[in-house]
Amino acid sequence: RVQERIASTSFATLTSNLPSEQRLSFHPPTFTVGEILTEAECQALIEDAETLLSQSYVMGQLPVERTQLQEFLEKFDIDHDTVLNVTETRKAMLGLLNRECGSFADKGGGQQVNAAQVAKLLQIDTNDDGMIDLKKEAFHVSKKDMRQFEASMIKIKRVLKSRQVRTNKVAWFPHFLPAANGVVRKMQAALHMEDWMVE
């Protein structure tokens, strides 16, 4: 079904007409595309990777400053309507936990992380509707019980501990990093990829 969706896109047309020297494999379809990133963008990726690798053998621990949490959440408002819908909320919570815990498997024992419950426990989704109104539910440290926030975060981290991905050789780039996000968007534009193909 996914292949059928891809077949009708500009991406399929572009990649099917690539010169043979750029095609590495037909199954799975693998190819090289050059000159997407500038030298500066490549350097930014390298620097992010080095930072992640130096943090810990559990990758990516760069906790969000609590005073900057509102600004962090706003980055996930893809459609700029000041409300994180269910999908955006899920991505925001996974991004937050990734920053807090390092890389972890979203599914553990066949069960996905309950992002809506995380948002509720952390006092981010205050009306428990599975979405975050960035204005009505704005996260301000002065208006939150931060002791409860930190206690809940510790409990969540304890649950996620068994799902953590441990490595000191590979840096998985979380999508919230500016360098990684920039790469995805440039690839999307260069390869005519639709939004659903990069989510």
N, C-alpha and C. Protein backbone atom coordinates (compact mmCIF):
# COMPACT_ATOMS: atom_id res chain seq x y z
N ARG A 1 0.83 -1.20 0.00
CA ARG A 1 0.00 0.00 0.00
C ARG A 1 0.87 1.26 0.00
N VAL A 2 1.96 1.25 0.81
CA VAL A 2 2.87 2.39 0.84
C VAL A 2 3.53 2.58 -0.51
N GLN A 3 3.94 1.48 -1.13
CA GLN A 3 4.57 1.56 -2.45
C GLN A 3 3.63 2.16 -3.48
N GLU A 4 2.35 1.83 -3.36
CA GLU A 4 1.35 2.39 -4.28
C GLU A 4 1.23 3.90 -4.09
N ARG A 5 1.27 4.35 -2.84
CA ARG A 5 1.20 5.79 -2.57
C ARG A 5 2.43 6.49 -3.13
N ILE A 6 3.59 5.87 -2.92
CA ILE A 6 4.84 6.47 -3.41
C ILE A 6 4.85 6.55 -4.93
N ALA A 7 4.31 5.51 -5.59
CA ALA A 7 4.35 5.42 -7.05
C ALA A 7 3.67 6.60 -7.73
N SER A 8 2.73 7.23 -7.04
CA SER A 8 1.98 8.32 -7.66
C SER A 8 2.55 9.70 -7.31
N THR A 9 3.75 9.74 -6.73
CA THR A 9 4.33 11.01 -6.30
C THR A 9 5.45 11.49 -7.23
N SER A 10 5.79 12.76 -7.11
CA SER A 10 6.91 13.33 -7.86
C SER A 10 8.22 12.68 -7.45
N PHE A 11 8.28 12.24 -6.19
CA PHE A 11 9.48 11.56 -5.69
C PHE A 11 9.77 10.31 -6.52
N ALA A 12 8.72 9.53 -6.81
CA ALA A 12 8.90 8.30 -7.60
C ALA A 12 9.39 8.62 -9.00
N THR A 13 8.83 9.66 -9.60
CA THR A 13 9.24 10.07 -10.95
C THR A 13 10.71 10.49 -10.96
N LEU A 14 11.08 11.29 -9.98
CA LEU A 14 12.46 11.78 -9.90
C LEU A 14 13.45 10.63 -9.72
N THR A 15 13.18 9.76 -8.75
CA THR A 15 14.13 8.69 -8.44
C THR A 15 14.19 7.62 -9.52
N SER A 16 13.09 7.42 -10.25
CA SER A 16 13.10 6.41 -11.31
C SER A 16 13.93 6.85 -12.51
N ASN A 17 14.16 8.15 -12.60
CA ASN A 17 14.93 8.68 -13.73
C ASN A 17 16.38 9.03 -13.38
N LEU A 18 16.82 8.59 -12.20
CA LEU A 18 18.20 8.86 -11.80
C LEU A 18 19.18 8.08 -12.68
N PRO A 19 20.35 8.66 -12.97
CA PRO A 19 21.38 7.93 -13.73
C PRO A 19 21.78 6.66 -13.00
N SER A 20 22.19 5.64 -13.74
CA SER A 20 22.52 4.34 -13.16
C SER A 20 23.62 4.43 -12.11
N GLU A 21 24.57 5.37 -12.27
CA GLU A 21 25.66 5.47 -11.30
C GLU A 21 25.19 5.98 -9.93
N GLN A 22 23.99 6.56 -9.88
CA GLN A 22 23.45 7.02 -8.60
C GLN A 22 22.59 5.97 -7.92
N ARG A 23 22.24 4.92 -8.65
CA ARG A 23 21.38 3.88 -8.09
C ARG A 23 22.24 2.77 -7.52
N LEU A 24 22.10 2.53 -6.22
CA LEU A 24 22.90 1.51 -5.56
C LEU A 24 22.18 0.18 -5.50
N SER A 25 20.84 0.23 -5.44
CA SER A 25 20.06 -1.00 -5.33
C SER A 25 18.62 -0.74 -5.75
N PHE A 26 17.99 -1.78 -6.34
CA PHE A 26 16.58 -1.67 -6.69
C PHE A 26 15.70 -2.18 -5.55
N HIS A 27 16.17 -3.18 -4.84
CA HIS A 27 15.40 -3.80 -3.75
C HIS A 27 16.28 -3.96 -2.53
N PRO A 28 16.17 -3.13 -1.50
CA PRO A 28 15.27 -1.96 -1.46
C PRO A 28 15.83 -0.83 -2.32
N PRO A 29 14.97 0.09 -2.77
CA PRO A 29 15.46 1.19 -3.60
C PRO A 29 16.42 2.07 -2.81
N THR A 30 17.68 2.08 -3.26
CA THR A 30 18.72 2.84 -2.58
C THR A 30 19.52 3.61 -3.61
N PHE A 31 19.74 4.88 -3.36
CA PHE A 31 20.46 5.70 -4.33
C PHE A 31 21.22 6.81 -3.63
N THR A 32 22.15 7.41 -4.32
CA THR A 32 22.91 8.52 -3.78
C THR A 32 22.45 9.81 -4.44
N VAL A 33 22.38 10.85 -3.64
CA VAL A 33 22.03 12.16 -4.16
C VAL A 33 23.01 13.16 -3.56
N GLY A 34 23.76 13.84 -4.39
CA GLY A 34 24.78 14.75 -3.89
C GLY A 34 24.34 16.20 -3.89
N GLU A 35 25.15 17.02 -3.27
CA GLU A 35 25.00 18.47 -3.28
C GLU A 35 23.68 18.96 -2.69
N ILE A 36 23.19 18.26 -1.67
CA ILE A 36 21.99 18.73 -0.97
C ILE A 36 22.39 19.67 0.16
N LEU A 37 23.47 19.33 0.86
CA LEU A 37 23.90 20.11 2.01
C LEU A 37 25.12 20.96 1.69
N THR A 38 25.18 22.11 2.32
CA THR A 38 26.36 22.95 2.20
C THR A 38 27.44 22.44 3.16
N GLU A 39 28.63 22.93 3.01
CA GLU A 39 29.72 22.54 3.91
C GLU A 39 29.38 22.89 5.36
N ALA A 40 28.77 24.06 5.55
CA ALA A 40 28.41 24.50 6.90
C ALA A 40 27.36 23.58 7.53
N GLU A 41 26.41 23.13 6.72
CA GLU A 41 25.37 22.23 7.23
C GLU A 41 25.96 20.87 7.58
N CYS A 42 26.90 20.41 6.77
CA CYS A 42 27.58 19.14 7.09
C CYS A 42 28.33 19.27 8.41
N GLN A 43 28.99 20.40 8.61
CA GLN A 43 29.74 20.62 9.84
C GLN A 43 28.81 20.67 11.04
N ALA A 44 27.63 21.28 10.86
CA ALA A 44 26.65 21.34 11.96
C ALA A 44 26.18 19.95 12.35
N LEU A 45 25.99 19.07 11.37
CA LEU A 45 25.60 17.69 11.65
C LEU A 45 26.69 16.97 12.43
N ILE A 46 27.92 17.16 12.01
CA ILE A 46 29.05 16.51 12.68
C ILE A 46 29.15 16.98 14.13
N GLU A 47 28.98 18.28 14.34
CA GLU A 47 29.06 18.83 15.69
C GLU A 47 27.95 18.29 16.58
N ASP A 48 26.72 18.19 16.03
CA ASP A 48 25.61 17.62 16.80
C ASP A 48 25.90 16.17 17.16
N ALA A 49 26.44 15.42 16.19
CA ALA A 49 26.75 14.01 16.43
C ALA A 49 27.80 13.86 17.52
N GLU A 50 28.81 14.70 17.48
CA GLU A 50 29.86 14.64 18.49
C GLU A 50 29.33 14.98 19.87
N THR A 51 28.40 15.94 19.92
CA THR A 51 27.78 16.31 21.19
C THR A 51 26.99 15.13 21.75
N LEU A 52 26.20 14.49 20.91
CA LEU A 52 25.39 13.35 21.35
C LEU A 52 26.29 12.22 21.83
N LEU A 53 27.34 11.94 21.09
CA LEU A 53 28.22 10.84 21.45
C LEU A 53 28.95 11.09 22.76
N SER A 54 29.19 12.35 23.08
CA SER A 54 29.93 12.67 24.30
C SER A 54 29.04 12.70 25.53
N GLN A 55 27.73 12.72 25.33
CA GLN A 55 26.82 12.86 26.48
C GLN A 55 26.84 11.63 27.39
N SER A 56 26.71 10.45 26.79
CA SER A 56 26.55 9.24 27.57
C SER A 56 26.48 8.06 26.63
N TYR A 57 26.63 6.86 27.20
CA TYR A 57 26.45 5.68 26.37
C TYR A 57 24.97 5.46 26.10
N VAL A 58 24.10 6.16 26.81
CA VAL A 58 22.68 6.25 26.43
C VAL A 58 22.54 7.58 25.72
N MET A 59 22.25 7.52 24.42
CA MET A 59 22.44 8.68 23.57
C MET A 59 21.44 9.81 23.81
N GLY A 60 21.93 11.04 23.63
CA GLY A 60 21.07 12.17 23.42
C GLY A 60 20.55 12.91 24.63
N GLN A 61 21.14 12.70 25.82
CA GLN A 61 20.60 13.33 27.00
C GLN A 61 20.95 14.82 27.05
N LEU A 62 20.02 15.63 26.62
CA LEU A 62 20.17 17.09 26.63
C LEU A 62 18.86 17.68 27.15
N PRO A 63 18.58 17.51 28.45
CA PRO A 63 17.28 17.93 28.99
C PRO A 63 16.93 19.37 28.64
N VAL A 64 15.65 19.58 28.38
CA VAL A 64 15.15 20.92 28.08
C VAL A 64 15.10 21.71 29.38
N GLU A 65 15.66 22.92 29.34
CA GLU A 65 15.54 23.80 30.50
C GLU A 65 14.06 24.03 30.77
N ARG A 66 13.65 23.91 32.01
CA ARG A 66 12.22 24.01 32.33
C ARG A 66 11.67 25.38 31.94
N THR A 67 12.48 26.41 32.07
CA THR A 67 12.02 27.75 31.71
C THR A 67 11.88 27.92 30.19
N GLN A 68 12.42 26.97 29.41
CA GLN A 68 12.33 27.04 27.97
C GLN A 68 11.39 25.99 27.38
N LEU A 69 10.64 25.34 28.26
CA LEU A 69 9.77 24.26 27.82
C LEU A 69 8.66 24.75 26.89
N GLN A 70 8.09 25.92 27.20
CA GLN A 70 7.04 26.46 26.34
C GLN A 70 7.57 26.69 24.93
N GLU A 71 8.76 27.27 24.83
CA GLU A 71 9.38 27.52 23.53
C GLU A 71 9.66 26.21 22.80
N PHE A 72 10.08 25.19 23.54
CA PHE A 72 10.33 23.86 22.96
C PHE A 72 9.03 23.29 22.36
N LEU A 73 7.94 23.39 23.11
CA LEU A 73 6.66 22.86 22.64
C LEU A 73 6.20 23.58 21.38
N GLU A 74 6.42 24.86 21.32
CA GLU A 74 5.96 25.65 20.17
C GLU A 74 6.59 25.21 18.86
N LYS A 75 7.77 24.60 18.93
CA LYS A 75 8.45 24.13 17.73
C LYS A 75 7.70 22.99 17.04
N PHE A 76 6.79 22.35 17.77
CA PHE A 76 6.05 21.22 17.22
C PHE A 76 4.70 21.63 16.63
N ASP A 77 4.43 22.93 16.67
CA ASP A 77 3.18 23.44 16.08
C ASP A 77 3.39 23.60 14.57
N ILE A 78 3.36 22.50 13.87
CA ILE A 78 3.70 22.46 12.44
C ILE A 78 2.75 23.32 11.61
N ASP A 79 1.46 23.29 11.93
CA ASP A 79 0.50 24.06 11.14
C ASP A 79 0.28 25.48 11.69
N HIS A 80 1.03 25.84 12.71
CA HIS A 80 1.01 27.21 13.25
C HIS A 80 -0.39 27.70 13.64
N ASP A 81 -1.17 26.81 14.26
CA ASP A 81 -2.51 27.22 14.69
C ASP A 81 -2.58 27.42 16.21
N THR A 82 -1.43 27.42 16.86
CA THR A 82 -1.26 27.60 18.31
C THR A 82 -1.85 26.47 19.15
N VAL A 83 -2.21 25.37 18.50
CA VAL A 83 -2.70 24.19 19.22
C VAL A 83 -1.95 22.96 18.69
N LEU A 84 -1.36 22.20 19.60
CA LEU A 84 -0.74 20.94 19.18
C LEU A 84 -1.84 19.89 19.13
N ASN A 85 -2.12 19.40 17.92
CA ASN A 85 -3.12 18.34 17.81
C ASN A 85 -2.55 17.05 18.38
N VAL A 86 -3.31 15.98 18.30
CA VAL A 86 -2.88 14.71 18.91
C VAL A 86 -1.53 14.25 18.36
N THR A 87 -1.36 14.35 17.04
CA THR A 87 -0.10 13.92 16.42
C THR A 87 1.05 14.82 16.85
N GLU A 88 0.83 16.13 16.83
CA GLU A 88 1.88 17.07 17.23
C GLU A 88 2.22 16.91 18.70
N THR A 89 1.21 16.67 19.53
CA THR A 89 1.44 16.45 20.96
C THR A 89 2.29 15.22 21.18
N ARG A 90 1.97 14.16 20.45
CA ARG A 90 2.76 12.93 20.58
C ARG A 90 4.23 13.17 20.21
N LYS A 91 4.44 13.86 19.11
CA LYS A 91 5.81 14.15 18.68
C LYS A 91 6.52 15.02 19.71
N ALA A 92 5.81 15.98 20.28
CA ALA A 92 6.41 16.86 21.28
C ALA A 92 6.81 16.09 22.53
N MET A 93 5.94 15.20 22.99
CA MET A 93 6.25 14.43 24.19
C MET A 93 7.40 13.45 23.95
N LEU A 94 7.41 12.81 22.79
CA LEU A 94 8.53 11.91 22.48
C LEU A 94 9.83 12.69 22.36
N GLY A 95 9.75 13.89 21.77
CA GLY A 95 10.93 14.74 21.68
C GLY A 95 11.44 15.15 23.04
N LEU A 96 10.52 15.52 23.93
CA LEU A 96 10.88 15.91 25.29
C LEU A 96 11.54 14.76 26.03
N LEU A 97 10.94 13.57 25.93
CA LEU A 97 11.48 12.40 26.62
C LEU A 97 12.82 11.98 26.02
N ASN A 98 12.96 12.16 24.70
CA ASN A 98 14.23 11.84 24.06
C ASN A 98 15.33 12.74 24.61
N ARG A 99 15.00 14.01 24.79
CA ARG A 99 15.97 14.95 25.36
C ARG A 99 16.29 14.57 26.80
N GLU A 100 15.29 14.09 27.52
CA GLU A 100 15.45 13.80 28.94
C GLU A 100 16.15 12.47 29.20
N CYS A 101 15.80 11.46 28.42
CA CYS A 101 16.25 10.09 28.69
C CYS A 101 17.33 9.59 27.74
N GLY A 102 17.49 10.24 26.59
CA GLY A 102 18.32 9.66 25.55
C GLY A 102 17.45 8.83 24.62
N SER A 103 18.08 8.17 23.68
CA SER A 103 17.33 7.38 22.70
C SER A 103 16.64 6.20 23.37
N PHE A 104 15.40 5.96 22.98
CA PHE A 104 14.66 4.82 23.53
C PHE A 104 13.70 4.31 22.48
N ALA A 105 13.28 3.07 22.65
CA ALA A 105 12.35 2.46 21.71
C ALA A 105 10.93 2.92 22.06
N ASP A 106 10.22 3.44 21.06
CA ASP A 106 8.85 3.91 21.29
C ASP A 106 7.95 2.76 21.72
N LYS A 107 8.19 1.58 21.15
CA LYS A 107 7.39 0.42 21.50
C LYS A 107 8.21 -0.51 22.39
N GLY A 108 7.65 -0.86 23.52
CA GLY A 108 8.28 -1.80 24.44
C GLY A 108 7.29 -2.88 24.77
N GLY A 109 7.64 -4.13 24.45
CA GLY A 109 6.69 -5.21 24.66
C GLY A 109 5.44 -5.04 23.84
N GLY A 110 5.60 -4.41 22.65
CA GLY A 110 4.46 -4.20 21.76
C GLY A 110 3.58 -3.04 22.15
N GLN A 111 3.96 -2.29 23.18
CA GLN A 111 3.12 -1.20 23.66
C GLN A 111 3.83 0.14 23.45
N GLN A 112 3.15 1.08 22.79
CA GLN A 112 3.73 2.40 22.53
C GLN A 112 3.71 3.26 23.80
N VAL A 113 4.63 4.19 23.83
CA VAL A 113 4.64 5.18 24.91
C VAL A 113 3.32 5.95 24.85
N ASN A 114 2.66 6.08 25.99
CA ASN A 114 1.39 6.80 26.05
C ASN A 114 1.70 8.29 26.21
N ALA A 115 1.86 8.95 25.06
CA ALA A 115 2.26 10.37 25.06
C ALA A 115 1.22 11.26 25.72
N ALA A 116 -0.05 10.93 25.55
CA ALA A 116 -1.12 11.74 26.16
C ALA A 116 -1.02 11.68 27.69
N GLN A 117 -0.72 10.50 28.22
CA GLN A 117 -0.58 10.35 29.67
C GLN A 117 0.65 11.10 30.17
N VAL A 118 1.72 11.08 29.38
CA VAL A 118 2.94 11.82 29.74
C VAL A 118 2.61 13.31 29.84
N ALA A 119 1.90 13.84 28.84
CA ALA A 119 1.55 15.26 28.84
C ALA A 119 0.69 15.62 30.05
N LYS A 120 -0.18 14.71 30.43
CA LYS A 120 -1.04 14.95 31.59
C LYS A 120 -0.22 14.93 32.88
N LEU A 121 0.64 13.92 33.04
CA LEU A 121 1.44 13.80 34.25
C LEU A 121 2.38 14.98 34.45
N LEU A 122 2.86 15.54 33.34
CA LEU A 122 3.81 16.65 33.42
C LEU A 122 3.11 18.02 33.45
N GLN A 123 1.79 18.01 33.61
CA GLN A 123 0.99 19.25 33.71
C GLN A 123 1.10 20.11 32.45
N ILE A 124 1.31 19.43 31.31
CA ILE A 124 1.39 20.14 30.04
C ILE A 124 0.02 20.16 29.36
N ASP A 125 -0.66 19.03 29.38
CA ASP A 125 -2.04 18.96 28.90
C ASP A 125 -2.94 19.04 30.13
N THR A 126 -3.34 20.23 30.48
CA THR A 126 -4.05 20.44 31.74
C THR A 126 -5.53 20.08 31.70
N ASN A 127 -6.12 20.02 30.50
CA ASN A 127 -7.54 19.67 30.44
C ASN A 127 -7.75 18.23 29.96
N ASP A 128 -6.66 17.49 29.81
CA ASP A 128 -6.70 16.05 29.51
C ASP A 128 -7.51 15.73 28.25
N ASP A 129 -7.30 16.52 27.18
CA ASP A 129 -8.00 16.23 25.92
C ASP A 129 -7.06 15.65 24.86
N GLY A 130 -5.81 15.39 25.26
CA GLY A 130 -4.86 14.80 24.32
C GLY A 130 -4.20 15.81 23.40
N MET A 131 -4.53 17.08 23.57
CA MET A 131 -3.95 18.15 22.77
C MET A 131 -3.40 19.23 23.71
N ILE A 132 -2.60 20.14 23.14
CA ILE A 132 -2.02 21.20 23.95
C ILE A 132 -2.31 22.55 23.30
N ASP A 133 -3.12 23.35 23.99
CA ASP A 133 -3.39 24.70 23.53
C ASP A 133 -2.24 25.57 24.02
N LEU A 134 -1.40 26.02 23.11
CA LEU A 134 -0.17 26.72 23.48
C LEU A 134 -0.43 28.08 24.14
N LYS A 135 -1.65 28.57 24.04
CA LYS A 135 -1.99 29.83 24.70
C LYS A 135 -2.71 29.56 26.03
N LYS A 136 -3.79 28.80 25.99
CA LYS A 136 -4.56 28.53 27.20
C LYS A 136 -3.84 27.61 28.17
N GLU A 137 -2.97 26.75 27.64
CA GLU A 137 -2.24 25.81 28.49
C GLU A 137 -0.74 26.10 28.46
N ALA A 138 -0.39 27.34 28.28
CA ALA A 138 1.02 27.73 28.21
C ALA A 138 1.76 27.25 29.46
N PHE A 139 2.96 26.72 29.24
CA PHE A 139 3.75 26.18 30.36
C PHE A 139 4.66 27.27 30.92
N HIS A 140 4.32 27.75 32.11
CA HIS A 140 5.14 28.73 32.80
C HIS A 140 5.53 28.14 34.15
N VAL A 141 6.83 28.09 34.41
CA VAL A 141 7.35 27.48 35.63
C VAL A 141 6.71 28.08 36.88
N SER A 142 6.48 29.37 36.86
CA SER A 142 5.92 30.05 38.03
C SER A 142 4.48 29.62 38.35
N LYS A 143 3.83 29.03 37.36
CA LYS A 143 2.43 28.65 37.55
C LYS A 143 2.25 27.13 37.67
N LYS A 144 3.36 26.40 37.74
CA LYS A 144 3.29 24.95 37.82
C LYS A 144 3.87 24.46 39.15
N ASP A 145 3.42 23.27 39.54
CA ASP A 145 4.01 22.61 40.70
C ASP A 145 5.24 21.86 40.20
N MET A 146 6.40 22.52 40.23
CA MET A 146 7.59 21.95 39.63
C MET A 146 8.13 20.75 40.41
N ARG A 147 7.83 20.68 41.70
CA ARG A 147 8.22 19.48 42.45
C ARG A 147 7.48 18.26 41.89
N GLN A 148 6.19 18.45 41.64
CA GLN A 148 5.39 17.37 41.07
C GLN A 148 5.87 17.04 39.66
N PHE A 149 6.21 18.07 38.89
CA PHE A 149 6.72 17.88 37.53
C PHE A 149 7.96 16.99 37.56
N GLU A 150 8.93 17.33 38.41
CA GLU A 150 10.17 16.57 38.46
C GLU A 150 9.94 15.16 38.99
N ALA A 151 9.04 15.02 39.95
CA ALA A 151 8.73 13.69 40.48
C ALA A 151 8.11 12.82 39.39
N SER A 152 7.22 13.40 38.61
CA SER A 152 6.59 12.66 37.51
C SER A 152 7.62 12.29 36.44
N MET A 153 8.53 13.22 36.16
CA MET A 153 9.57 12.95 35.16
C MET A 153 10.45 11.78 35.60
N ILE A 154 10.79 11.72 36.87
CA ILE A 154 11.61 10.63 37.40
C ILE A 154 10.88 9.30 37.21
N LYS A 155 9.58 9.28 37.49
CA LYS A 155 8.80 8.05 37.33
C LYS A 155 8.76 7.62 35.86
N ILE A 156 8.57 8.58 34.97
CA ILE A 156 8.51 8.28 33.54
C ILE A 156 9.86 7.74 33.06
N LYS A 157 10.95 8.36 33.49
CA LYS A 157 12.29 7.91 33.11
C LYS A 157 12.56 6.49 33.61
N ARG A 158 12.03 6.19 34.79
CA ARG A 158 12.21 4.85 35.34
C ARG A 158 11.51 3.81 34.47
N VAL A 159 10.32 4.17 33.98
CA VAL A 159 9.57 3.26 33.11
C VAL A 159 10.30 3.06 31.78
N LEU A 160 10.90 4.13 31.27
CA LEU A 160 11.56 4.08 29.96
C LEU A 160 12.96 3.46 30.01
N LYS A 161 13.47 3.24 31.20
CA LYS A 161 14.86 2.77 31.33
C LYS A 161 15.11 1.49 30.54
N SER A 162 14.15 0.57 30.57
CA SER A 162 14.35 -0.71 29.87
C SER A 162 14.28 -0.57 28.36
N ARG A 163 13.80 0.60 27.88
CA ARG A 163 13.67 0.82 26.44
C ARG A 163 14.84 1.61 25.85
N GLN A 164 15.75 2.04 26.71
CA GLN A 164 16.82 2.91 26.23
C GLN A 164 17.76 2.17 25.28
N VAL A 165 18.18 2.91 24.25
CA VAL A 165 19.10 2.37 23.25
C VAL A 165 20.50 2.76 23.66
N ARG A 166 21.34 1.76 23.90
CA ARG A 166 22.68 2.02 24.41
C ARG A 166 23.73 1.77 23.33
N THR A 167 24.50 2.80 23.06
CA THR A 167 25.58 2.69 22.08
C THR A 167 26.54 3.85 22.27
N ASN A 168 27.79 3.63 21.97
CA ASN A 168 28.73 4.75 22.01
C ASN A 168 29.40 4.93 20.66
N LYS A 169 28.83 4.33 19.62
CA LYS A 169 29.41 4.42 18.29
C LYS A 169 28.47 5.07 17.28
N VAL A 170 27.20 5.05 17.55
CA VAL A 170 26.23 5.57 16.59
C VAL A 170 25.39 6.65 17.25
N ALA A 171 25.24 7.77 16.58
CA ALA A 171 24.37 8.84 17.08
C ALA A 171 23.11 8.87 16.25
N TRP A 172 21.98 8.57 16.86
CA TRP A 172 20.70 8.69 16.18
C TRP A 172 20.23 10.12 16.35
N PHE A 173 19.98 10.78 15.24
CA PHE A 173 19.64 12.19 15.31
C PHE A 173 18.16 12.38 15.61
N PRO A 174 17.81 12.81 16.82
CA PRO A 174 16.41 13.13 17.10
C PRO A 174 15.97 14.26 16.18
N HIS A 175 14.71 14.23 15.75
CA HIS A 175 14.25 15.22 14.77
C HIS A 175 14.21 16.64 15.32
N PHE A 176 14.27 16.79 16.68
CA PHE A 176 14.18 18.13 17.23
C PHE A 176 15.49 18.90 17.11
N LEU A 177 16.61 18.23 16.80
CA LEU A 177 17.86 18.96 16.64
C LEU A 177 17.80 19.81 15.38
N PRO A 178 18.19 21.06 15.47
CA PRO A 178 18.11 21.95 14.30
C PRO A 178 18.82 21.40 13.07
N ALA A 179 20.01 20.84 13.25
CA ALA A 179 20.77 20.33 12.11
C ALA A 179 20.03 19.17 11.44
N ALA A 180 19.51 18.25 12.25
CA ALA A 180 18.81 17.09 11.70
C ALA A 180 17.53 17.52 11.00
N ASN A 181 16.79 18.43 11.61
CA ASN A 181 15.55 18.91 11.02
C ASN A 181 15.82 19.61 9.69
N GLY A 182 16.91 20.36 9.65
CA GLY A 182 17.29 21.05 8.41
C GLY A 182 17.60 20.08 7.29
N VAL A 183 18.27 18.98 7.63
CA VAL A 183 18.60 17.96 6.63
C VAL A 183 17.33 17.36 6.05
N VAL A 184 16.41 17.01 6.93
CA VAL A 184 15.16 16.39 6.48
C VAL A 184 14.42 17.31 5.53
N ARG A 185 14.33 18.60 5.89
CA ARG A 185 13.58 19.54 5.05
C ARG A 185 14.26 19.77 3.70
N LYS A 186 15.59 19.81 3.70
CA LYS A 186 16.29 20.01 2.43
C LYS A 186 16.17 18.78 1.54
N MET A 187 16.23 17.60 2.15
CA MET A 187 16.05 16.36 1.38
C MET A 187 14.63 16.30 0.82
N GLN A 188 13.68 16.71 1.64
CA GLN A 188 12.29 16.69 1.20
C GLN A 188 12.11 17.58 -0.03
N ALA A 189 12.70 18.77 0.00
CA ALA A 189 12.58 19.69 -1.12
C ALA A 189 13.33 19.16 -2.35
N ALA A 190 14.56 18.68 -2.14
CA ALA A 190 15.38 18.23 -3.26
C ALA A 190 14.82 17.00 -3.95
N LEU A 191 14.18 16.12 -3.16
CA LEU A 191 13.68 14.86 -3.70
C LEU A 191 12.17 14.86 -3.93
N HIS A 192 11.54 16.01 -3.76
CA HIS A 192 10.09 16.15 -3.99
C HIS A 192 9.29 15.18 -3.11
N MET A 193 9.71 15.07 -1.85
CA MET A 193 9.03 14.16 -0.93
C MET A 193 7.85 14.87 -0.28
N GLU A 194 6.75 14.16 -0.14
CA GLU A 194 5.57 14.74 0.51
C GLU A 194 5.71 14.65 2.03
N ASP A 195 4.92 15.45 2.75
CA ASP A 195 5.04 15.52 4.21
C ASP A 195 4.92 14.14 4.87
N TRP A 196 3.97 13.33 4.40
CA TRP A 196 3.74 12.05 5.04
C TRP A 196 4.94 11.11 4.89
N MET A 197 5.82 11.38 3.93
CA MET A 197 6.96 10.51 3.69
C MET A 197 8.09 10.76 4.65
N VAL A 198 8.07 11.88 5.36
CA VAL A 198 9.16 12.20 6.28
C VAL A 198 8.72 12.28 7.73
N GLU A 199 7.47 11.99 7.99
CA GLU A 199 6.98 12.06 9.38
C GLU A 199 7.32 10.77 10.11
